[in-house]
Amino acid sequence: MRLTDFTDYAFRVILYLSVHDDGLSTIQQISDAYQVSKNHLMKIVQLLGERGWVDTVRGRNGGLRLAPHARTLTVGTDCARH
């Protein structure tokens, strides 16, 4: 299976958030962990938030966390259903 960079980075965001589930994570932390452009991750996180897979918290102490139902997602999940 060939993945686009966008899909690869989306998987990395979800993986990072599932491992660091003790609080909120920032795009900067994920960018630093995977050496991926912060601007590119912002687009990915926006889409994941729109799909309801990632909860985003705005503000000074904001960040990201995996949405509760996202732990049940599998690689073969149909994007249109969520």
Foldseek 3Di string as FASTA:
>chain_A
DDDDPLVVLLVLVLVVQVVVVPDFDALVVSCVVVVHDSVSVVVSVVVCVVLVQKDWDDDDPTHIHGHPCNVVDDPPDDSVVD
